[in-house]
Amino acid sequence: MMVKFGIISLLAGLFFGIFNGISQFMGKQNFWVDLTIAKIIGKDTSDAIIGFIPVLFIKNSLDSLIYSLPFFIFLLGLGVIFFVITLLMKNH
């Protein structure tokens, strides 16, 4: 099951990355160019998630993850994490 999540995350990240690259190459300012997690879940929800955690180091990390990291890089990283987890799990 985790392998399927990894494959889907990698394919989605590749899909979003290709359209992001095409849009930036053409100079178009559309939905794909500045897609971040904050744009997907909304500014109020993003602020609520970041404000929920009291540790400053985690707040700064979440801030950069939610507001500045492109969504396709997030999906590619999530896919890699799922693959690493499946490599470390034993099938019984």
Protein backbone atom coordinates (compact mmCIF):
# COMPACT_ATOMS: atom_id res chain seq x y z
CA MET A 1 0.00 0.00 0.00
CA MET A 2 2.83 2.40 0.86
CA VAL A 3 4.45 1.62 -2.49
CA LYS A 4 1.27 2.76 -4.24
CA PHE A 5 1.27 6.01 -2.25
CA GLY A 6 4.92 6.52 -3.19
CA ILE A 7 4.29 5.92 -6.89
CA ILE A 8 1.24 8.19 -6.92
CA SER A 9 3.15 10.94 -5.08
CA LEU A 10 6.10 10.70 -7.46
CA LEU A 11 3.85 10.76 -10.54
CA ALA A 12 1.86 13.71 -9.20
CA GLY A 13 5.08 15.55 -8.33
CA LEU A 14 6.42 14.90 -11.82
CA PHE A 15 3.13 16.09 -13.36
CA PHE A 16 3.09 19.31 -11.32
CA GLY A 17 6.81 19.86 -11.92
CA ILE A 18 6.47 19.54 -15.70
CA PHE A 19 3.62 22.03 -15.86
CA ASN A 20 5.44 24.37 -13.50
CA GLY A 21 8.50 24.27 -15.74
CA ILE A 22 6.48 24.79 -18.92
CA SER A 23 4.62 27.75 -17.39
CA GLN A 24 7.82 29.39 -16.18
CA PHE A 25 9.55 28.80 -19.53
CA MET A 26 6.66 30.41 -21.41
CA GLY A 27 6.54 33.31 -18.97
CA LYS A 28 2.91 32.67 -18.06
CA GLN A 29 1.69 33.51 -14.59
CA ASN A 30 -0.93 30.85 -13.90
CA PHE A 31 -2.00 28.32 -11.27
CA TRP A 32 1.07 26.06 -11.68
CA VAL A 33 3.82 28.65 -11.29
CA ASP A 34 3.48 29.59 -7.62
CA LEU A 35 1.66 26.53 -6.32
CA THR A 36 2.46 25.94 -2.66
CA ILE A 37 0.71 24.15 0.17
CA ALA A 38 -0.55 27.52 1.45
CA LYS A 39 -2.36 28.16 -1.83
CA ILE A 40 -4.00 24.75 -1.72
CA ILE A 41 -5.23 24.76 1.90
CA GLY A 42 -5.68 28.51 2.30
CA LYS A 43 -3.90 31.23 4.25
CA ASP A 44 -6.07 30.97 7.37
CA THR A 45 -5.58 27.22 7.68
CA SER A 46 -1.85 27.60 7.08
CA ASP A 47 -1.58 30.21 9.82
CA ALA A 48 -3.60 27.99 12.18
CA ILE A 49 -1.29 25.01 11.57
CA ILE A 50 1.85 27.07 12.12
CA GLY A 51 0.43 28.85 15.17
CA PHE A 52 -0.64 25.57 16.81
CA ILE A 53 2.95 24.48 17.48
CA PRO A 54 4.75 26.45 20.23
CA VAL A 55 8.36 25.47 19.32
CA LEU A 56 10.11 28.20 17.30
CA PHE A 57 12.37 25.84 15.32
CA ILE A 58 9.38 23.81 14.12
CA LYS A 59 7.42 26.99 13.34
CA ASN A 60 10.22 28.26 11.11
CA SER A 61 10.49 24.89 9.35
CA LEU A 62 6.73 24.68 8.79
CA ASP A 63 6.68 28.27 7.58
CA SER A 64 9.23 27.55 4.87
CA LEU A 65 7.55 24.23 4.02
CA ILE A 66 4.05 25.68 3.70
CA TYR A 67 4.74 29.11 2.20
CA SER A 68 7.88 28.85 0.07
CA LEU A 69 8.46 25.23 -0.98
CA PRO A 70 6.95 24.45 -4.41
CA PHE A 71 4.24 21.80 -4.25
CA PHE A 72 5.89 19.48 -6.76
CA ILE A 73 9.04 19.27 -4.62
CA PHE A 74 6.87 18.45 -1.61
CA LEU A 75 5.19 15.62 -3.54
CA LEU A 76 8.50 14.25 -4.82
CA GLY A 77 9.91 14.26 -1.27
CA LEU A 78 6.79 12.56 0.06
CA GLY A 79 7.12 9.84 -2.57
CA VAL A 80 10.75 9.23 -1.64
CA ILE A 81 9.80 9.03 2.05
CA PHE A 82 7.12 6.44 1.27
CA PHE A 83 9.63 4.37 -0.70
CA VAL A 84 12.19 4.48 2.12
CA ILE A 85 9.53 3.40 4.61
CA THR A 86 8.57 0.44 2.42
CA LEU A 87 12.21 -0.60 2.12
CA LEU A 88 12.54 -0.70 5.92
CA MET A 89 9.28 -2.58 6.56
CA LYS A 90 9.16 -6.36 6.71
CA ASN A 91 6.34 -8.23 5.02
CA HIS A 92 4.97 -10.99 7.25
